[in-house]
Protein backbone atom coordinates (compact mmCIF):
# COMPACT_ATOMS: atom_id res chain seq x y z
CA MET A 1 116.83 116.00 78.96
CA SER A 2 120.39 114.74 78.55
CA ILE A 3 121.65 111.55 80.26
CA LEU A 4 124.00 113.73 82.39
CA MET A 5 121.22 116.01 83.51
CA PHE A 6 119.06 112.95 84.38
CA VAL A 7 121.84 111.32 86.39
CA THR A 8 122.40 114.58 88.25
CA LEU A 9 118.72 115.02 89.04
CA ALA A 10 118.40 111.39 90.18
CA ILE A 11 121.45 111.69 92.51
CA SER A 12 120.21 115.05 93.83
CA THR A 13 116.76 113.86 94.67
CA GLU A 14 117.89 110.59 96.11
CA THR A 15 120.41 112.40 98.37
CA GLN A 16 117.77 114.85 99.52
CA ALA A 17 115.42 112.01 100.43
CA GLN A 18 118.12 110.27 102.43
CA GLN A 19 118.96 113.54 104.31
CA ARG A 20 115.47 114.50 105.30
CA VAL A 21 112.74 112.08 106.42
CA HIS A 22 109.79 114.10 107.52
CA GLY A 23 107.29 111.39 108.31
CA THR A 24 104.54 109.54 106.42
CA VAL A 25 101.83 110.93 104.14
CA ARG A 26 98.82 108.68 103.65
CA ILE A 27 97.14 109.13 100.29
CA GLY A 28 93.89 107.37 99.30
CA LEU A 29 94.13 105.25 96.18
CA HIS A 30 90.92 105.01 94.09
CA SER A 31 90.75 102.19 91.54
CA TRP A 32 90.94 103.92 88.20
CA VAL A 33 94.36 104.26 86.50
CA GLY A 34 94.03 107.99 85.96
CA TYR A 35 93.80 108.48 89.71
CA HIS A 36 96.88 106.20 90.06
CA ALA A 37 98.74 108.47 87.65
CA ASN A 38 98.09 111.47 89.99
CA ALA A 39 99.04 109.47 93.15
CA GLU A 40 102.20 107.98 91.72
CA VAL A 41 103.60 111.25 90.42
CA VAL A 42 103.07 113.15 93.71
CA LYS A 43 104.32 110.07 95.67
CA TYR A 44 107.52 110.09 93.61
CA LEU A 45 108.15 113.75 94.29
CA LEU A 46 107.21 113.55 97.99
CA GLU A 47 109.70 110.76 98.49
CA ARG A 48 112.48 111.78 96.18
CA ARG A 49 112.38 115.55 96.60
CA LEU A 50 111.00 116.18 100.06
CA GLY A 51 112.03 113.05 101.86
CA TYR A 52 108.67 111.72 103.03
CA ASP A 53 107.49 108.16 103.19
CA VAL A 54 104.19 107.78 101.30
CA GLU A 55 101.51 105.15 101.80
CA LEU A 56 99.00 104.67 99.05
CA VAL A 57 95.89 103.23 100.74
CA PRO A 58 93.32 101.49 98.46
CA VAL A 59 89.87 102.83 99.19
CA ASP A 60 86.69 103.53 97.28
CA GLU A 61 85.29 107.08 96.94
CA GLU A 62 82.77 107.23 99.74
CA HIS A 63 85.07 105.49 102.22
CA GLY A 64 87.87 107.89 101.21
CA TRP A 65 85.79 110.75 102.57
CA GLN A 66 85.09 108.83 105.75
CA ALA A 67 88.86 108.06 106.15
CA LEU A 68 89.75 111.77 105.80
CA ASP A 69 87.05 112.58 108.35
CA GLY A 70 88.41 110.14 110.84
CA GLY A 71 92.08 110.98 110.31
CA ALA A 72 93.01 107.66 108.66
CA LEU A 73 93.98 109.48 105.42
CA ASP A 74 95.74 112.75 104.82
CA ALA A 75 94.76 113.33 101.15
CA VAL A 76 92.70 112.19 98.23
CA VAL A 77 94.22 113.44 94.90
CA GLU A 78 91.24 113.20 92.59
CA ASN A 79 87.63 113.80 93.60
CA TRP A 80 84.61 113.72 91.17
CA GLY A 81 81.95 115.94 92.58
CA HIS A 82 80.12 114.14 95.35
CA GLU A 83 78.19 117.15 96.43
CA GLU A 84 76.37 115.16 99.13
CA LEU A 85 79.67 114.14 100.70
CA ALA A 86 81.03 117.70 100.48
CA ALA A 87 77.92 118.93 102.21
CA ALA A 88 78.46 116.45 105.05
CA TYR A 89 82.19 116.54 105.58
CA ILE A 90 83.39 119.99 104.27
CA HIS A 91 80.45 122.25 105.01
CA GLY A 92 78.88 120.23 107.87
CA ARG A 93 81.47 118.51 110.05
CA GLY A 94 84.32 120.66 108.82
CA THR A 95 86.79 117.75 108.98
CA VAL A 96 87.64 117.70 105.27
CA VAL A 97 89.14 120.54 103.27
CA ASP A 98 88.70 121.26 99.55
CA GLY A 99 92.32 121.11 98.36
CA GLY A 100 91.79 123.04 95.13
CA PRO A 101 91.77 121.90 91.50
CA THR A 102 93.99 119.12 90.08
CA GLY A 103 93.88 121.00 86.78
CA ASN A 104 91.85 118.20 85.24
CA THR A 105 88.35 118.56 83.77
CA GLY A 106 86.24 115.45 84.14
CA THR A 107 83.40 114.33 81.88
CA ILE A 108 81.19 111.25 82.14
CA GLY A 109 78.93 109.86 79.47
CA TRP A 110 77.98 106.93 77.18
CA TYR A 111 80.09 106.03 74.27
CA VAL A 112 80.18 103.86 71.16
CA PRO A 113 83.09 103.10 68.76
CA ASP A 114 83.48 105.48 65.81
CA TYR A 115 82.93 102.61 63.34
CA LEU A 116 79.48 102.04 64.76
CA ALA A 117 78.56 105.74 64.54
CA GLU A 118 79.68 105.76 60.91
CA GLN A 119 77.48 102.75 60.19
CA TYR A 120 74.51 104.21 62.06
CA PRO A 121 74.89 108.01 62.09
CA ASP A 122 71.87 108.64 64.24
CA ILE A 123 72.88 106.24 66.95
CA THR A 124 74.58 108.97 68.96
CA ASP A 125 71.20 110.55 69.79
CA TRP A 126 69.80 108.93 72.91
CA ARG A 127 66.28 109.11 71.44
CA ASN A 128 67.32 106.61 68.78
CA LEU A 129 68.95 104.06 71.11
CA ASN A 130 65.98 101.79 71.48
CA ARG A 131 65.96 101.28 67.70
CA TYR A 132 69.48 99.77 68.06
CA ALA A 133 69.03 97.88 71.38
CA HIS A 134 69.23 94.54 69.61
CA LEU A 135 72.74 95.33 68.52
CA PHE A 136 73.99 95.48 72.09
CA ALA A 137 72.05 92.51 73.53
CA THR A 138 74.31 89.96 75.26
CA ALA A 139 73.79 86.83 77.28
CA ASP A 140 73.88 88.82 80.51
CA SER A 141 71.41 91.52 79.32
CA GLY A 142 68.73 89.24 78.00
CA ARG A 143 66.65 90.73 75.21
CA ARG A 144 67.58 94.20 76.30
CA GLY A 145 70.58 96.07 75.11
CA ARG A 146 73.68 96.06 77.32
CA LEU A 147 75.12 99.29 78.66
CA LEU A 148 78.55 98.22 79.90
CA ALA A 149 79.97 100.02 82.96
CA ALA A 150 82.96 99.69 85.22
CA SER A 151 82.02 99.62 88.90
CA PRO A 152 78.83 100.64 90.82
CA SER A 153 81.14 102.46 93.32
CA TYR A 154 81.87 105.16 90.69
CA VAL A 155 79.63 108.23 90.10
CA THR A 156 76.88 106.55 88.14
CA TYR A 157 73.16 107.23 87.49
CA GLU A 158 72.81 104.81 84.69
CA ASN A 159 70.03 102.63 86.10
CA ALA A 160 67.89 105.71 86.85
CA LEU A 161 68.59 107.21 83.46
CA ILE A 162 67.59 104.09 81.60
CA LYS A 163 64.37 103.84 83.57
CA ASN A 164 63.39 107.50 83.40
CA LEU A 165 64.25 107.92 79.66
CA GLY A 166 62.31 104.73 78.82
CA LEU A 167 65.34 102.89 77.26
CA ASN A 168 65.35 99.19 76.62
CA TYR A 169 68.71 98.56 78.17
CA THR A 170 70.31 96.91 81.21
CA VAL A 171 73.45 98.11 83.01
CA VAL A 172 76.09 95.32 83.34
CA PHE A 173 79.02 96.17 85.52
CA ALA A 174 82.34 94.65 84.52
CA GLY A 175 83.55 95.08 88.07
CA SER A 176 86.46 97.45 87.56
CA GLU A 177 87.88 99.93 85.07
CA GLY A 178 90.42 97.41 83.88
CA ALA A 179 87.79 94.77 83.19
CA GLU A 180 85.63 97.22 81.33
CA ILE A 181 88.54 98.39 79.13
CA ASP A 182 89.50 94.81 78.39
CA GLU A 183 85.97 94.13 77.17
CA VAL A 184 85.78 97.36 75.15
CA ARG A 185 89.16 96.62 73.53
CA ARG A 186 88.13 93.05 72.69
CA LEU A 187 84.99 94.17 70.92
CA TYR A 188 86.75 97.16 69.25
CA ALA A 189 89.36 94.84 67.77
CA GLN A 190 86.57 92.75 66.24
CA ARG A 191 84.64 95.85 65.18
CA LYS A 192 81.54 94.70 67.11
CA PRO A 193 78.89 96.79 68.74
CA VAL A 194 79.45 98.05 72.34
CA LEU A 195 77.73 100.78 74.22
CA PHE A 196 79.57 101.71 77.43
CA TYR A 197 79.80 104.24 80.28
CA PHE A 198 83.11 106.02 80.21
CA TYR A 199 84.82 109.21 81.25
CA GLU A 200 87.66 111.56 80.56
CA PRO A 201 90.53 112.04 81.33
CA GLN A 202 91.08 108.51 80.23
CA TRP A 203 94.15 107.13 78.40
CA LEU A 204 92.19 104.80 76.19
CA THR A 205 90.56 107.77 74.29
CA TRP A 206 94.06 108.53 72.98
CA ARG A 207 94.39 105.03 71.55
CA LEU A 208 90.94 104.26 70.25
CA GLN A 209 88.30 106.41 68.56
CA PHE A 210 84.88 106.83 70.21
CA ARG A 211 81.77 108.92 69.92
CA ARG A 212 79.75 110.23 72.82
CA ILE A 213 75.93 109.63 72.95
CA GLU A 214 74.06 112.88 73.16
CA LEU A 215 72.18 112.44 76.41
CA PRO A 216 69.69 115.14 77.60
CA ALA A 217 71.69 118.26 78.33
CA TYR A 218 72.70 118.90 81.97
CA ARG A 219 71.12 121.87 83.60
CA GLU A 220 71.64 123.16 87.14
CA GLY A 221 69.84 120.98 89.66
CA CYS A 222 68.58 118.34 87.26
CA ASP A 223 70.62 115.76 89.16
CA ALA A 224 69.43 116.82 92.64
CA ASP A 225 67.41 113.62 92.97
CA PRO A 226 69.36 110.66 91.59
CA VAL A 227 66.20 108.61 91.52
CA THR A 228 64.31 110.87 89.15
CA ILE A 229 67.24 112.23 87.03
CA THR A 230 66.61 112.55 83.32
CA CYS A 231 69.71 114.51 82.20
CA GLY A 232 73.38 113.77 81.40
CA TYR A 233 76.40 114.56 83.59
CA PRO A 234 77.90 117.96 84.23
CA SER A 235 81.58 118.73 83.57
CA TYR A 236 83.49 118.18 86.81
CA ARG A 237 86.22 120.42 88.21
CA LEU A 238 88.33 117.63 89.61
CA ASN A 239 89.83 118.52 92.97
CA LYS A 240 91.89 117.34 95.86
CA LEU A 241 90.73 116.74 99.41
CA PHE A 242 92.66 116.96 102.62
CA SER A 243 91.94 116.11 106.19
CA ARG A 244 91.66 119.35 108.13
CA LYS A 245 94.45 118.34 110.45
CA PHE A 246 96.81 117.71 107.56
CA ALA A 247 95.91 121.04 105.92
CA GLU A 248 96.29 123.09 109.10
CA GLU A 249 99.77 121.66 109.74
CA ASP A 250 100.85 123.40 106.56
CA SER A 251 103.73 121.00 106.10
CA PRO A 252 105.95 120.85 102.99
CA ALA A 253 103.91 117.73 101.84
CA TYR A 254 100.67 119.64 102.20
CA ARG A 255 102.11 122.54 100.18
CA LEU A 256 103.20 120.22 97.41
CA LEU A 257 99.89 118.50 97.15
CA ARG A 258 98.02 121.82 97.37
CA ASP A 259 100.00 123.23 94.45
CA PHE A 260 99.84 120.02 92.41
CA ARG A 261 98.12 120.80 89.13
CA TRP A 262 98.46 119.33 85.70
CA THR A 263 96.44 118.73 82.52
CA ASN A 264 94.29 115.85 81.19
CA ALA A 265 96.99 115.18 78.63
CA ASP A 266 99.60 114.78 81.45
CA GLN A 267 97.42 112.35 83.38
CA ASP A 268 96.58 110.39 80.23
CA MET A 269 100.28 110.14 79.38
CA VAL A 270 101.27 108.63 82.72
CA ALA A 271 98.13 106.40 82.91
CA GLY A 272 98.77 105.15 79.36
CA TRP A 273 102.30 104.17 80.27
CA MET A 274 101.11 102.19 83.24
CA ALA A 275 97.99 100.59 81.70
CA GLY A 276 98.70 100.50 78.01
CA LYS A 277 102.38 99.76 78.08
CA ARG A 278 102.38 97.82 81.35
CA MET A 279 105.15 100.14 82.81
CA SER A 280 105.57 100.00 86.57
CA PRO A 281 103.95 102.86 88.44
CA GLU A 282 107.40 104.07 89.75
CA ASN A 283 108.92 104.00 86.35
CA ALA A 284 106.01 105.80 84.71
CA ALA A 285 106.15 108.50 87.36
CA ARG A 286 109.96 108.79 87.03
CA ARG A 287 109.68 109.03 83.22
CA TRP A 288 107.15 111.91 83.49
CA VAL A 289 109.11 113.80 86.11
CA GLN A 290 112.30 113.49 84.07
CA SER A 291 110.73 115.27 81.06
CA HIS A 292 108.29 117.73 82.77
CA ARG A 293 110.30 119.70 85.26
CA ASP A 294 108.75 122.91 83.92
CA VAL A 295 105.38 121.63 85.20
CA TRP A 296 106.19 120.12 88.62
CA GLN A 297 108.94 122.62 89.74
CA SER A 298 106.21 125.10 90.85
CA TRP A 299 104.72 122.42 93.15
CA ILE A 300 107.98 122.19 95.17
CA PRO A 301 108.07 124.28 98.31
CA ASP A 302 110.89 126.83 98.67
CA GLY A 303 114.07 125.32 99.99
CA TYR A 304 113.62 121.98 98.29
């Protein structure tokens, strides 16, 4: 995009925002940076193109559903499964609406750095992990191997999997996605062993090279009881959630969020700018919007 085109777009969107203020949209803000990428881009467009105020409200996943149910939130812009919550709030109470796909496909698994898999080629088969538990032992895992994870509030069956698969490992939560990534990057830079719970889309997988552990294959219903689970994770069709009231109002904001859809690469690009390059959320969103009009133009309701 030329400088002149950018200036014209910036002036146009700012002017539209000043001329029309439609109210406030309250979007839940989960803790991982990929979610922040979704939220910041739609926030930028809602404010600059449609003239809304947007509140990003920090909330964990379960409480996000509860806030939609109670009307404290209008939208969640990335949901990972949670079939039990969907059963309660979408199919049961009817207070939450499935907002359709974000366009992202989510995967969850266990990972090791590529250099470790090259040194120990059979380490990526879960049946061989006990043979290498000593490599991952740390002060906070005792004599057992450490499986590093982010936060217990995420979708995680790791404690049950370790027990049910008979693995000599202990889950250690870093406390947040950022803390886990900092630890993985530190060990990666030193080429030391690390086994960790991770997921995609995820910007770090574009910067560093990892290999997934081959856990027992997912099959329909194998995760029905999280206590007895012995299989890996399914692929997730990541979707949006709306409060029923917000959806039924059919506002321009609702229509933009309903039609929001992009790729894993789009999300990783924005997330990488925010986390990897320490760009401000607004600047990261602006940069993506400037260069991807062909993607987001279809999200904008007619007349805007």
